[in-house]
Every structure is written in structure tokens, then in C-alpha cells.
Amino acid sequence: MRATSTGVRKRDHQYGDRESGNLAHGGWSRLLDGFAAILAASYRLLRPGGTVVITCRPVRRQRDDLIDLPGALLAVARSVGLVPVQRCAAMLAAVRDGQIVHRANMFGLLGRPDAGR
């Protein structure tokens, strides 16, 4: 992403096309099945006491439809034998006049909460 005088211009934000076999375009069950395969393979490669770190965020499918992807991936990780050690959360925010101001997305941090919609 790059901030311009007319707003934010997205580039390189697509994860491949629908024909590429990319998990991002296969629907939720295919996505979670793909993660299960990836995590199962990772689990087999771990040394004793090794760690797999998963980073993700909730996903908004529609304006008001927030999907708990972190919770779903935690369930998938457990299903392949991984044992959760810690679950952390991060928040995009700014400090204004000594107060934390939450920003729902990166566009909000750039001062354009409506950009990208």
C-alpha cells in the first residue's frame, strides 16, 4: 500500500486468482481443510518442544459479518495434535490526547477509515 494525495492505492494485495488453486478462493471449509493439512505437516516436522506460531485476524465477509478466523484456526490446530501455549491479541490504535483510539483497519491508521471499501 502507498499513501497518495488522493488516498491509498492498493497494489500486490491479491492472493492469486480463483483458478490457481489458492486457498483464499476456495470457501471456508476448503480454507480450514488446507490449514489442517499445513498444520499437520508442520506438527510432524517439529522437534520435541518445538513451536508453531499462527498469526491471523478476524475476517469480515460483509460489512457486518465478522468471522472468528483465529478461533477456527485454534480449533484446527488442536484437531491435528498441536497444544496451545498462548493466545495473544493485538490492536491497531493511535494515542490522541493521552487516550487510545482504536482503528478497525490499516486505512484508519492512515486517516482514511472509509478507504478500501
PDB file of N, CA and C in Angstrom:
ATOM      1  N   MET A   1       0.827  -1.168   0.000  1.00  0.00           N
ATOM      2  CA  MET A   1       0.000   0.000   0.000  1.00  0.00           C
ATOM      3  C   MET A   1       0.874   1.234   0.000  1.00  0.00           C
ATOM      4  N   ARG A   2       0.351   2.252  -0.612  1.00  0.00           N
ATOM      5  CA  ARG A   2       1.077   3.504  -0.648  1.00  0.00           C
ATOM      6  C   ARG A   2       0.095   4.655  -0.496  1.00  0.00           C
ATOM      7  N   ALA A   3       0.377   5.546   0.440  1.00  0.00           N
ATOM      8  CA  ALA A   3      -0.474   6.719   0.624  1.00  0.00           C
ATOM      9  C   ALA A   3      -0.176   7.708  -0.483  1.00  0.00           C
ATOM     10  N   THR A   4      -1.214   8.248  -1.077  1.00  0.00           N
ATOM     11  CA  THR A   4      -1.072   9.270  -2.111  1.00  0.00           C
ATOM     12  C   THR A   4      -1.913  10.470  -1.701  1.00  0.00           C
ATOM     13  N   SER A   5      -1.798  11.536  -2.438  1.00  0.00           N
ATOM     14  CA  SER A   5      -2.584  12.733  -2.115  1.00  0.00           C
ATOM     15  C   SER A   5      -4.075  12.495  -2.319  1.00  0.00           C
ATOM     16  N   THR A   6      -4.421  11.485  -3.090  1.00  0.00           N
ATOM     17  CA  THR A   6      -5.844  11.181  -3.325  1.00  0.00           C
ATOM     18  C   THR A   6      -6.312   9.993  -2.506  1.00  0.00           C
ATOM     19  N   GLY A   7      -5.503   9.513  -1.570  1.00  0.00           N
ATOM     20  CA  GLY A   7      -5.906   8.376  -0.744  1.00  0.00           C
ATOM     21  C   GLY A   7      -4.881   7.260  -0.800  1.00  0.00           C
ATOM     22  N   VAL A   8      -5.328   6.070  -0.524  1.00  0.00           N
ATOM     23  CA  VAL A   8      -4.451   4.902  -0.506  1.00  0.00           C
ATOM     24  C   VAL A   8      -4.659   4.109  -1.785  1.00  0.00           C
ATOM     25  N   ARG A   9      -3.572   3.809  -2.464  1.00  0.00           N
ATOM     26  CA  ARG A   9      -3.643   2.994  -3.675  1.00  0.00           C
ATOM     27  C   ARG A   9      -3.144   1.601  -3.338  1.00  0.00           C
ATOM     28  N   LYS A  10      -3.998   0.597  -3.514  1.00  0.00           N
ATOM     29  CA  LYS A  10      -3.602  -0.778  -3.225  1.00  0.00           C
ATOM     30  C   LYS A  10      -2.823  -1.336  -4.407  1.00  0.00           C
ATOM     31  N   ARG A  11      -1.822  -2.155  -4.072  1.00  0.00           N
ATOM     32  CA  ARG A  11      -1.116  -2.912  -5.106  1.00  0.00           C
ATOM     33  C   ARG A  11      -0.589  -4.181  -4.442  1.00  0.00           C
ATOM     34  N   ASP A  12      -0.470  -5.232  -5.207  1.00  0.00           N
ATOM     35  CA  ASP A  12       0.015  -6.513  -4.696  1.00  0.00           C
ATOM     36  C   ASP A  12      -0.787  -6.975  -3.487  1.00  0.00           C
ATOM     37  N   HIS A  13      -2.102  -6.775  -3.518  1.00  0.00           N
ATOM     38  CA  HIS A  13      -2.944  -7.173  -2.398  1.00  0.00           C
ATOM     39  C   HIS A  13      -3.811  -8.395  -2.725  1.00  0.00           C
ATOM     40  N   GLN A  14      -3.672  -8.927  -3.925  1.00  0.00           N
ATOM     41  CA  GLN A  14      -4.435 -10.105  -4.311  1.00  0.00           C
ATOM     42  C   GLN A  14      -3.626 -11.366  -4.021  1.00  0.00           C
ATOM     43  N   TYR A  15      -4.306 -12.419  -3.620  1.00  0.00           N
ATOM     44  CA  TYR A  15      -3.649 -13.678  -3.264  1.00  0.00           C
ATOM     45  C   TYR A  15      -3.755 -14.704  -4.379  1.00  0.00           C
ATOM     46  N   GLY A  16      -3.606 -14.289  -5.601  1.00  0.00           N
ATOM     47  CA  GLY A  16      -3.735 -15.211  -6.719  1.00  0.00           C
ATOM     48  C   GLY A  16      -5.159 -15.197  -7.237  1.00  0.00           C
ATOM     49  N   ASP A  17      -5.394 -15.928  -8.310  1.00  0.00           N
ATOM     50  CA  ASP A  17      -6.740 -15.941  -8.877  1.00  0.00           C
ATOM     51  C   ASP A  17      -7.467 -17.225  -8.497  1.00  0.00           C
ATOM     52  N   ARG A  18      -8.728 -17.287  -8.839  1.00  0.00           N
ATOM     53  CA  ARG A  18      -9.566 -18.429  -8.464  1.00  0.00           C
ATOM     54  C   ARG A  18      -9.095 -19.727  -9.112  1.00  0.00           C
ATOM     55  N   GLU A  19      -8.501 -19.639 -10.270  1.00  0.00           N
ATOM     56  CA  GLU A  19      -8.058 -20.839 -10.975  1.00  0.00           C
ATOM     57  C   GLU A  19      -6.726 -21.376 -10.461  1.00  0.00           C
ATOM     58  N   SER A  20      -6.028 -20.623  -9.629  1.00  0.00           N
ATOM     59  CA  SER A  20      -4.685 -21.016  -9.205  1.00  0.00           C
ATOM     60  C   SER A  20      -4.672 -22.101  -8.143  1.00  0.00           C
ATOM     61  N   GLY A  21      -5.841 -22.476  -7.600  1.00  0.00           N
ATOM     62  CA  GLY A  21      -5.879 -23.436  -6.514  1.00  0.00           C
ATOM     63  C   GLY A  21      -5.583 -22.795  -5.175  1.00  0.00           C
ATOM     64  N   ASN A  22      -5.514 -21.474  -5.135  1.00  0.00           N
ATOM     65  CA  ASN A  22      -5.210 -20.748  -3.921  1.00  0.00           C
ATOM     66  C   ASN A  22      -6.315 -20.938  -2.889  1.00  0.00           C
ATOM     67  N   LEU A  23      -5.944 -21.235  -1.643  1.00  0.00           N
ATOM     68  CA  LEU A  23      -6.913 -21.486  -0.582  1.00  0.00           C
ATOM     69  C   LEU A  23      -7.817 -20.285  -0.308  1.00  0.00           C
ATOM     70  N   ALA A  24      -7.345 -19.084  -0.586  1.00  0.00           N
ATOM     71  CA  ALA A  24      -8.135 -17.888  -0.306  1.00  0.00           C
ATOM     72  C   ALA A  24      -9.402 -17.818  -1.145  1.00  0.00           C
ATOM     73  N   HIS A  25      -9.469 -18.583  -2.221  1.00  0.00           N
ATOM     74  CA  HIS A  25     -10.623 -18.520  -3.115  1.00  0.00           C
ATOM     75  C   HIS A  25     -11.469 -19.786  -3.079  1.00  0.00           C
ATOM     76  N   GLY A  26     -11.234 -20.688  -2.127  1.00  0.00           N
ATOM     77  CA  GLY A  26     -11.928 -21.972  -2.150  1.00  0.00           C
ATOM     78  C   GLY A  26     -13.075 -22.125  -1.184  1.00  0.00           C
ATOM     79  N   GLY A  27     -13.455 -21.091  -0.474  1.00  0.00           N
ATOM     80  CA  GLY A  27     -14.514 -21.219   0.515  1.00  0.00           C
ATOM     81  C   GLY A  27     -13.936 -21.592   1.876  1.00  0.00           C
ATOM     82  N   TRP A  28     -14.763 -21.417   2.930  1.00  0.00           N
ATOM     83  CA  TRP A  28     -14.280 -21.611   4.298  1.00  0.00           C
ATOM     84  C   TRP A  28     -13.885 -23.042   4.601  1.00  0.00           C
ATOM     85  N   SER A  29     -14.658 -24.015   4.169  1.00  0.00           N
ATOM     86  CA  SER A  29     -14.303 -25.403   4.506  1.00  0.00           C
ATOM     87  C   SER A  29     -13.006 -25.806   3.817  1.00  0.00           C
ATOM     88  N   ARG A  30     -12.826 -25.398   2.573  1.00  0.00           N
ATOM     89  CA  ARG A  30     -11.561 -25.707   1.882  1.00  0.00           C
ATOM     90  C   ARG A  30     -10.384 -24.991   2.534  1.00  0.00           C
ATOM     91  N   LEU A  31     -10.605 -23.750   2.957  1.00  0.00           N
ATOM     92  CA  LEU A  31      -9.555 -22.993   3.631  1.00  0.00           C
ATOM     93  C   LEU A  31      -9.135 -23.697   4.919  1.00  0.00           C
ATOM     94  N   LEU A  32     -10.102 -24.089   5.744  1.00  0.00           N
ATOM     95  CA  LEU A  32      -9.784 -24.745   7.015  1.00  0.00           C
ATOM     96  C   LEU A  32      -9.184 -26.128   6.796  1.00  0.00           C
ATOM     97  N   ASP A  33      -9.658 -26.861   5.786  1.00  0.00           N
ATOM     98  CA  ASP A  33      -9.044 -28.154   5.456  1.00  0.00           C
ATOM     99  C   ASP A  33      -7.595 -27.966   5.015  1.00  0.00           C
ATOM    100  N   GLY A  34      -7.345 -26.912   4.242  1.00  0.00           N
ATOM    101  CA  GLY A  34      -5.978 -26.616   3.809  1.00  0.00           C
ATOM    102  C   GLY A  34      -5.074 -26.274   4.978  1.00  0.00           C
ATOM    103  N   PHE A  35      -5.586 -25.470   5.911  1.00  0.00           N
ATOM    104  CA  PHE A  35      -4.813 -25.156   7.112  1.00  0.00           C
ATOM    105  C   PHE A  35      -4.551 -26.411   7.933  1.00  0.00           C
ATOM    106  N   ALA A  36      -5.535 -27.302   8.003  1.00  0.00           N
ATOM    107  CA  ALA A  36      -5.339 -28.552   8.748  1.00  0.00           C
ATOM    108  C   ALA A  36      -4.198 -29.359   8.133  1.00  0.00           C
ATOM    109  N   ALA A  37      -4.153 -29.437   6.815  1.00  0.00           N
ATOM    110  CA  ALA A  37      -3.070 -30.165   6.149  1.00  0.00           C
ATOM    111  C   ALA A  37      -1.718 -29.505   6.408  1.00  0.00           C
ATOM    112  N   ILE A  38      -1.680 -28.180   6.343  1.00  0.00           N
ATOM    113  CA  ILE A  38      -0.434 -27.445   6.585  1.00  0.00           C
ATOM    114  C   ILE A  38       0.033 -27.636   8.022  1.00  0.00           C
ATOM    115  N   LEU A  39      -0.889 -27.500   8.983  1.00  0.00           N
ATOM    116  CA  LEU A  39      -0.518 -27.640  10.393  1.00  0.00           C
ATOM    117  C   LEU A  39      -0.142 -29.073  10.746  1.00  0.00           C
ATOM    118  N   ALA A  40      -0.816 -30.053  10.156  1.00  0.00           N
ATOM    119  CA  ALA A  40      -0.458 -31.453  10.403  1.00  0.00           C
ATOM    120  C   ALA A  40       0.951 -31.739   9.904  1.00  0.00           C
ATOM    121  N   ALA A  41       1.287 -31.221   8.729  1.00  0.00           N
ATOM    122  CA  ALA A  41       2.638 -31.408   8.196  1.00  0.00           C
ATOM    123  C   ALA A  41       3.663 -30.686   9.065  1.00  0.00           C
ATOM    124  N   SER A  42       3.305 -29.492   9.551  1.00  0.00           N
ATOM    125  CA  SER A  42       4.204 -28.749  10.441  1.00  0.00           C
ATOM    126  C   SER A  42       4.428 -29.511  11.735  1.00  0.00           C
ATOM    127  N   TYR A  43       3.363 -30.080  12.273  1.00  0.00           N
ATOM    128  CA  TYR A  43       3.442 -30.840  13.519  1.00  0.00           C
ATOM    129  C   TYR A  43       4.425 -32.007  13.386  1.00  0.00           C
ATOM    130  N   ARG A  44       4.365 -32.692  12.249  1.00  0.00           N
ATOM    131  CA  ARG A  44       5.274 -33.838  12.027  1.00  0.00           C
ATOM    132  C   ARG A  44       6.730 -33.396  11.921  1.00  0.00           C
ATOM    133  N   LEU A  45       6.978 -32.152  11.529  1.00  0.00           N
ATOM    134  CA  LEU A  45       8.339 -31.654  11.374  1.00  0.00           C
ATOM    135  C   LEU A  45       8.932 -31.063  12.647  1.00  0.00           C
ATOM    136  N   LEU A  46       8.090 -30.824  13.647  1.00  0.00           N
ATOM    137  CA  LEU A  46       8.568 -30.186  14.876  1.00  0.00           C
ATOM    138  C   LEU A  46       9.477 -31.105  15.675  1.00  0.00           C
ATOM    139  N   ARG A  47      10.504 -30.532  16.260  1.00  0.00           N
ATOM    140  CA  ARG A  47      11.294 -31.272  17.234  1.00  0.00           C
ATOM    141  C   ARG A  47      10.508 -31.271  18.546  1.00  0.00           C
ATOM    142  N   PRO A  48      10.808 -32.151  19.468  1.00  0.00           N
ATOM    143  CA  PRO A  48      10.108 -32.128  20.754  1.00  0.00           C
ATOM    144  C   PRO A  48      10.230 -30.752  21.408  1.00  0.00           C
ATOM    145  N   GLY A  49       9.113 -30.222  21.846  1.00  0.00           N
ATOM    146  CA  GLY A  49       9.093 -28.896  22.463  1.00  0.00           C
ATOM    147  C   GLY A  49       9.076 -27.755  21.461  1.00  0.00           C
ATOM    148  N   GLY A  50       9.037 -28.075  20.165  1.00  0.00           N
ATOM    149  CA  GLY A  50       9.018 -27.035  19.126  1.00  0.00           C
ATOM    150  C   GLY A  50       7.714 -26.254  19.132  1.00  0.00           C
ATOM    151  N   THR A  51       7.696 -25.147  18.446  1.00  0.00           N
ATOM    152  CA  THR A  51       6.550 -24.240  18.456  1.00  0.00           C
ATOM    153  C   THR A  51       6.126 -23.891  17.035  1.00  0.00           C
ATOM    154  N   VAL A  52       4.841 -23.868  16.820  1.00  0.00           N
ATOM    155  CA  VAL A  52       4.249 -23.327  15.599  1.00  0.00           C
ATOM    156  C   VAL A  52       3.546 -22.044  15.998  1.00  0.00           C
ATOM    157  N   VAL A  53       3.803 -20.972  15.281  1.00  0.00           N
ATOM    158  CA  VAL A  53       3.154 -19.694  15.570  1.00  0.00           C
ATOM    159  C   VAL A  53       2.210 -19.379  14.416  1.00  0.00           C
ATOM    160  N   ILE A  54       0.979 -19.081  14.754  1.00  0.00           N
ATOM    161  CA  ILE A  54      -0.029 -18.737  13.754  1.00  0.00           C
ATOM    162  C   ILE A  54      -0.461 -17.297  14.016  1.00  0.00           C
ATOM    163  N   THR A  55      -0.414 -16.481  12.987  1.00  0.00           N
ATOM    164  CA  THR A  55      -0.926 -15.114  13.124  1.00  0.00           C
ATOM    165  C   THR A  55      -2.079 -14.949  12.148  1.00  0.00           C
ATOM    166  N   CYS A  56      -3.155 -14.398  12.635  1.00  0.00           N
ATOM    167  CA  CYS A  56      -4.309 -14.132  11.777  1.00  0.00           C
ATOM    168  C   CYS A  56      -5.206 -13.131  12.476  1.00  0.00           C
ATOM    169  N   ARG A  57      -6.214 -12.719  11.807  1.00  0.00           N
ATOM    170  CA  ARG A  57      -7.157 -11.756  12.366  1.00  0.00           C
ATOM    171  C   ARG A  57      -8.566 -12.184  11.971  1.00  0.00           C
ATOM    172  N   PRO A  58      -9.563 -11.688  12.685  1.00  0.00           N
ATOM    173  CA  PRO A  58     -10.932 -11.941  12.231  1.00  0.00           C
ATOM    174  C   PRO A  58     -11.102 -11.402  10.814  1.00  0.00           C
ATOM    175  N   VAL A  59     -11.984 -12.014  10.073  1.00  0.00           N
ATOM    176  CA  VAL A  59     -12.193 -11.642   8.678  1.00  0.00           C
ATOM    177  C   VAL A  59     -13.617 -11.137   8.523  1.00  0.00           C
ATOM    178  N   ARG A  60     -13.765 -10.057   7.789  1.00  0.00           N
ATOM    179  CA  ARG A  60     -15.097  -9.502   7.536  1.00  0.00           C
ATOM    180  C   ARG A  60     -15.511  -9.892   6.122  1.00  0.00           C
ATOM    181  N   ARG A  61     -16.548 -10.757   6.032  1.00  0.00           N
ATOM    182  CA  ARG A  61     -17.039 -11.166   4.717  1.00  0.00           C
ATOM    183  C   ARG A  61     -17.980 -10.134   4.121  1.00  0.00           C
ATOM    184  N   GLN A  62     -18.773  -9.540   4.929  1.00  0.00           N
ATOM    185  CA  GLN A  62     -19.682  -8.489   4.519  1.00  0.00           C
ATOM    186  C   GLN A  62     -19.495  -7.366   5.518  1.00  0.00           C
ATOM    187  N   ARG A  63     -20.137  -6.286   5.316  1.00  0.00           N
ATOM    188  CA  ARG A  63     -19.950  -5.140   6.202  1.00  0.00           C
ATOM    189  C   ARG A  63     -20.175  -5.500   7.672  1.00  0.00           C
ATOM    190  N   ASP A  64     -21.179  -6.329   7.975  1.00  0.00           N
ATOM    191  CA  ASP A  64     -21.498  -6.660   9.362  1.00  0.00           C
ATOM    192  C   ASP A  64     -21.246  -8.124   9.713  1.00  0.00           C
ATOM    193  N   ASP A  65     -20.580  -8.872   8.877  1.00  0.00           N
ATOM    194  CA  ASP A  65     -20.378 -10.305   9.073  1.00  0.00           C
ATOM    195  C   ASP A  65     -18.917 -10.571   9.437  1.00  0.00           C
ATOM    196  N   LEU A  66     -18.616 -10.606  10.752  1.00  0.00           N
ATOM    197  CA  LEU A  66     -17.250 -10.801  11.227  1.00  0.00           C
ATOM    198  C   LEU A  66     -17.044 -12.277  11.556  1.00  0.00           C
ATOM    199  N   ILE A  67     -16.069 -12.912  10.922  1.00  0.00           N
ATOM    200  CA  ILE A  67     -15.776 -14.325  11.092  1.00  0.00           C
ATOM    201  C   ILE A  67     -14.595 -14.484  12.045  1.00  0.00           C
ATOM    202  N   ASP A  68     -14.717 -15.358  13.038  1.00  0.00           N
ATOM    203  CA  ASP A  68     -13.655 -15.602  14.022  1.00  0.00           C
ATOM    204  C   ASP A  68     -12.627 -16.584  13.439  1.00  0.00           C
ATOM    205  N   LEU A  69     -11.826 -16.122  12.512  1.00  0.00           N
ATOM    206  CA  LEU A  69     -10.790 -16.970  11.923  1.00  0.00           C
ATOM    207  C   LEU A  69      -9.762 -17.410  12.958  1.00  0.00           C
ATOM    208  N   PRO A  70      -9.319 -16.554  13.887  1.00  0.00           N
ATOM    209  CA  PRO A  70      -8.379 -17.036  14.909  1.00  0.00           C
ATOM    210  C   PRO A  70      -8.933 -18.210  15.717  1.00  0.00           C
ATOM    211  N   GLY A  71     -10.196 -18.131  16.117  1.00  0.00           N
ATOM    212  CA  GLY A  71     -10.807 -19.229  16.869  1.00  0.00           C
ATOM    213  C   GLY A  71     -10.910 -20.494  16.033  1.00  0.00           C
ATOM    214  N   ALA A  72     -11.265 -20.355  14.765  1.00  0.00           N
ATOM    215  CA  ALA A  72     -11.370 -21.510  13.873  1.00  0.00           C
ATOM    216  C   ALA A  72     -10.004 -22.172  13.670  1.00  0.00           C
ATOM    217  N   LEU A  73      -8.963 -21.369  13.505  1.00  0.00           N
ATOM    218  CA  LEU A  73      -7.624 -21.937  13.318  1.00  0.00           C
ATOM    219  C   LEU A  73      -7.108 -22.584  14.599  1.00  0.00           C
ATOM    220  N   LEU A  74      -7.483 -22.046  15.741  1.00  0.00           N
ATOM    221  CA  LEU A  74      -7.114 -22.671  17.009  1.00  0.00           C
ATOM    222  C   LEU A  74      -7.740 -24.064  17.104  1.00  0.00           C
ATOM    223  N   ALA A  75      -9.004 -24.188  16.716  1.00  0.00           N
ATOM    224  CA  ALA A  75      -9.675 -25.493  16.714  1.00  0.00           C
ATOM    225  C   ALA A  75      -9.005 -26.448  15.732  1.00  0.00           C
ATOM    226  N   VAL A  76      -8.630 -25.957  14.558  1.00  0.00           N
ATOM    227  CA  VAL A  76      -7.941 -26.796  13.565  1.00  0.00           C
ATOM    228  C   VAL A  76      -6.597 -27.255  14.112  1.00  0.00           C
ATOM    229  N   ALA A  77      -5.853 -26.347  14.736  1.00  0.00           N
ATOM    230  CA  ALA A  77      -4.540 -26.706  15.299  1.00  0.00           C
ATOM    231  C   ALA A  77      -4.695 -27.804  16.358  1.00  0.00           C
ATOM    232  N   ARG A  78      -5.693 -27.675  17.212  1.00  0.00           N
ATOM    233  CA  ARG A  78      -5.941 -28.706  18.220  1.00  0.00           C
ATOM    234  C   ARG A  78      -6.302 -30.033  17.571  1.00  0.00           C
ATOM    235  N   SER A  79      -7.063 -29.983  16.481  1.00  0.00           N
ATOM    236  CA  SER A  79      -7.525 -31.214  15.835  1.00  0.00           C
ATOM    237  C   SER A  79      -6.383 -32.032  15.231  1.00  0.00           C
ATOM    238  N   VAL A  80      -5.248 -31.387  14.933  1.00  0.00           N
ATOM    239  CA  VAL A  80      -4.116 -32.128  14.359  1.00  0.00           C
ATOM    240  C   VAL A  80      -3.058 -32.457  15.407  1.00  0.00           C
ATOM    241  N   GLY A  81      -3.360 -32.168  16.684  1.00  0.00           N
ATOM    242  CA  GLY A  81      -2.458 -32.561  17.756  1.00  0.00           C
ATOM    243  C   GLY A  81      -1.615 -31.460  18.353  1.00  0.00           C
ATOM    244  N   LEU A  82      -1.711 -30.253  17.837  1.00  0.00           N
ATOM    245  CA  LEU A  82      -0.961 -29.150  18.429  1.00  0.00           C
ATOM    246  C   LEU A  82      -1.618 -28.725  19.743  1.00  0.00           C
ATOM    247  N   VAL A  83      -0.806 -28.339  20.709  1.00  0.00           N
ATOM    248  CA  VAL A  83      -1.296 -27.938  22.020  1.00  0.00           C
ATOM    249  C   VAL A  83      -1.067 -26.438  22.186  1.00  0.00           C
ATOM    250  N   PRO A  84      -2.141 -25.667  22.364  1.00  0.00           N
ATOM    251  CA  PRO A  84      -1.977 -24.219  22.530  1.00  0.00           C
ATOM    252  C   PRO A  84      -1.158 -23.892  23.769  1.00  0.00           C
ATOM    253  N   VAL A  85      -0.258 -22.936  23.613  1.00  0.00           N
ATOM    254  CA  VAL A  85       0.566 -22.484  24.723  1.00  0.00           C
ATOM    255  C   VAL A  85       0.125 -21.088  25.145  1.00  0.00           C
ATOM    256  N   GLN A  86      -0.196 -20.268  24.164  1.00  0.00           N
ATOM    257  CA  GLN A  86      -0.540 -18.880  24.452  1.00  0.00           C
ATOM    258  C   GLN A  86      -1.379 -18.336  23.317  1.00  0.00           C
ATOM    259  N   ARG A  87      -2.329 -17.490  23.650  1.00  0.00           N
ATOM    260  CA  ARG A  87      -3.110 -16.789  22.630  1.00  0.00           C
ATOM    261  C   ARG A  87      -2.995 -15.305  22.928  1.00  0.00           C
ATOM    262  N   CYS A  88      -2.511 -14.561  21.961  1.00  0.00           N
ATOM    263  CA  CYS A  88      -2.288 -13.131  22.144  1.00  0.00           C
ATOM    264  C   CYS A  88      -3.193 -12.355  21.196  1.00  0.00           C
ATOM    265  N   ALA A  89      -3.478 -11.133  21.553  1.00  0.00           N
ATOM    266  CA  ALA A  89      -4.267 -10.254  20.691  1.00  0.00           C
ATOM    267  C   ALA A  89      -3.523  -8.937  20.542  1.00  0.00           C
ATOM    268  N   ALA A  90      -3.663  -8.354  19.388  1.00  0.00           N
ATOM    269  CA  ALA A  90      -3.058  -7.053  19.129  1.00  0.00           C
ATOM    270  C   ALA A  90      -4.153  -6.125  18.611  1.00  0.00           C
ATOM    271  N   MET A  91      -3.942  -4.852  18.763  1.00  0.00           N
ATOM    272  CA  MET A  91      -4.936  -3.888  18.328  1.00  0.00           C
ATOM    273  C   MET A  91      -4.228  -2.771  17.563  1.00  0.00           C
ATOM    274  N   LEU A  92      -4.786  -2.419  16.422  1.00  0.00           N
ATOM    275  CA  LEU A  92      -4.302  -1.239  15.711  1.00  0.00           C
ATOM    276  C   LEU A  92      -4.909  -0.037  16.402  1.00  0.00           C
ATOM    277  N   ALA A  93      -4.077   0.868  16.862  1.00  0.00           N
ATOM    278  CA  ALA A  93      -4.594   2.018  17.593  1.00  0.00           C
ATOM    279  C   ALA A  93      -3.626   3.179  17.491  1.00  0.00           C
ATOM    280  N   ALA A  94      -4.128   4.313  17.861  1.00  0.00           N
ATOM    281  CA  ALA A  94      -3.315   5.522  17.952  1.00  0.00           C
ATOM    282  C   ALA A  94      -3.543   6.122  19.340  1.00  0.00           C
ATOM    283  N   VAL A  95      -2.637   6.973  19.767  1.00  0.00           N
ATOM    284  CA  VAL A  95      -2.820   7.690  21.022  1.00  0.00           C
ATOM    285  C   VAL A  95      -3.068   9.152  20.675  1.00  0.00           C
ATOM    286  N   ARG A  96      -4.213   9.642  21.072  1.00  0.00           N
ATOM    287  CA  ARG A  96      -4.591  11.031  20.819  1.00  0.00           C
ATOM    288  C   ARG A  96      -4.961  11.677  22.150  1.00  0.00           C
ATOM    289  N   ASP A  97      -4.279  12.726  22.504  1.00  0.00           N
ATOM    290  CA  ASP A  97      -4.552  13.434  23.754  1.00  0.00           C
ATOM    291  C   ASP A  97      -4.540  12.489  24.953  1.00  0.00           C
ATOM    292  N   GLY A  98      -3.601  11.553  24.959  1.00  0.00           N
ATOM    293  CA  GLY A  98      -3.454  10.635  26.078  1.00  0.00           C
ATOM    294  C   GLY A  98      -4.462   9.498  26.100  1.00  0.00           C
ATOM    295  N   GLN A  99      -5.303   9.381  25.075  1.00  0.00           N
ATOM    296  CA  GLN A  99      -6.314   8.322  25.002  1.00  0.00           C
ATOM    297  C   GLN A  99      -6.002   7.383  23.838  1.00  0.00           C
ATOM    298  N   ILE A 100      -6.275   6.090  24.036  1.00  0.00           N
ATOM    299  CA  ILE A 100      -6.116   5.126  22.945  1.00  0.00           C
ATOM    300  C   ILE A 100      -7.333   5.220  22.045  1.00  0.00           C
ATOM    301  N   VAL A 101      -7.081   5.396  20.745  1.00  0.00           N
ATOM    302  CA  VAL A 101      -8.144   5.472  19.749  1.00  0.00           C
ATOM    303  C   VAL A 101      -8.007   4.253  18.850  1.00  0.00           C
ATOM    304  N   HIS A 102      -8.976   3.359  18.925  1.00  0.00           N
ATOM    305  CA  HIS A 102      -8.953   2.120  18.140  1.00  0.00           C
ATOM    306  C   HIS A 102      -9.173   2.421  16.662  1.00  0.00           C
ATOM    307  N   ARG A 103      -8.440   1.730  15.828  1.00  0.00           N
ATOM    308  CA  ARG A 103      -8.633   1.808  14.384  1.00  0.00           C
ATOM    309  C   ARG A 103      -8.968   0.410  13.903  1.00  0.00           C
ATOM    310  N   ALA A 104     -10.059   0.276  13.183  1.00  0.00           N
ATOM    311  CA  ALA A 104     -10.518  -1.047  12.759  1.00  0.00           C
ATOM    312  C   ALA A 104      -9.622  -1.657  11.692  1.00  0.00           C
ATOM    313  N   ASN A 105      -8.867  -0.850  10.969  1.00  0.00           N
ATOM    314  CA  ASN A 105      -8.012  -1.400   9.918  1.00  0.00           C
ATOM    315  C   ASN A 105      -6.863  -0.440   9.637  1.00  0.00           C
ATOM    316  N   MET A 106      -5.962  -0.862   8.768  1.00  0.00           N
ATOM    317  CA  MET A 106      -4.800  -0.053   8.453  1.00  0.00           C
ATOM    318  C   MET A 106      -5.200   1.265   7.795  1.00  0.00           C
ATOM    319  N   PHE A 107      -6.304   1.269   7.039  1.00  0.00           N
ATOM    320  CA  PHE A 107      -6.744   2.501   6.406  1.00  0.00           C
ATOM    321  C   PHE A 107      -7.086   3.542   7.464  1.00  0.00           C
ATOM    322  N   GLY A 108      -7.645   3.091   8.584  1.00  0.00           N
ATOM    323  CA  GLY A 108      -7.958   4.004   9.678  1.00  0.00           C
ATOM    324  C   GLY A 108      -6.713   4.654  10.240  1.00  0.00           C
ATOM    325  N   LEU A 109      -5.630   3.890  10.330  1.00  0.00           N
ATOM    326  CA  LEU A 109      -4.379   4.453  10.826  1.00  0.00           C
ATOM    327  C   LEU A 109      -3.830   5.514   9.880  1.00  0.00           C
ATOM    328  N   LEU A 110      -4.151   5.377   8.592  1.00  0.00           N
ATOM    329  CA  LEU A 110      -3.676   6.341   7.609  1.00  0.00           C
ATOM    330  C   LEU A 110      -4.611   7.541   7.512  1.00  0.00           C
ATOM    331  N   GLY A 111      -5.641   7.561   8.371  1.00  0.00           N
ATOM    332  CA  GLY A 111      -6.550   8.696   8.372  1.00  0.00           C
ATOM    333  C   GLY A 111      -7.692   8.595   7.399  1.00  0.00           C
ATOM    334  N   ARG A 112      -7.858   7.430   6.770  1.00  0.00           N
ATOM    335  CA  ARG A 112      -8.926   7.252   5.802  1.00  0.00           C
ATOM    336  C   ARG A 112      -9.746   6.016   6.173  1.00  0.00           C
ATOM    337  N   PRO A 113     -10.581   6.050   7.221  1.00  0.00           N
ATOM    338  CA  PRO A 113     -11.316   4.869   7.636  1.00  0.00           C
ATOM    339  C   PRO A 113     -12.247   4.311   6.567  1.00  0.00           C
ATOM    340  N   ASP A 114     -12.609   5.109   5.575  1.00  0.00           N
ATOM    341  CA  ASP A 114     -13.506   4.627   4.516  1.00  0.00           C
ATOM    342  C   ASP A 114     -12.745   4.069   3.318  1.00  0.00           C
ATOM    343  N   ALA A 115     -11.432   4.228   3.267  1.00  0.00           N
ATOM    344  CA  ALA A 115     -10.654   3.763   2.114  1.00  0.00           C
ATOM    345  C   ALA A 115     -10.680   2.249   2.064  1.00  0.00           C
ATOM    346  N   GLY A 116     -10.690   1.725   0.871  1.00  0.00           N
ATOM    347  CA  GLY A 116     -10.637   0.287   0.703  1.00  0.00           C
ATOM    348  C   GLY A 116     -12.002  -0.381   0.736  1.00  0.00           C
ATOM    349  N   ARG A 117     -13.052   0.382   0.935  1.00  0.00           N
ATOM    350  CA  ARG A 117     -14.409  -0.206   0.948  1.00  0.00           C
ATOM    351  C   ARG A 117     -15.009  -0.092  -0.407  1.00  0.00           C
TER     352      ARG A 117
END
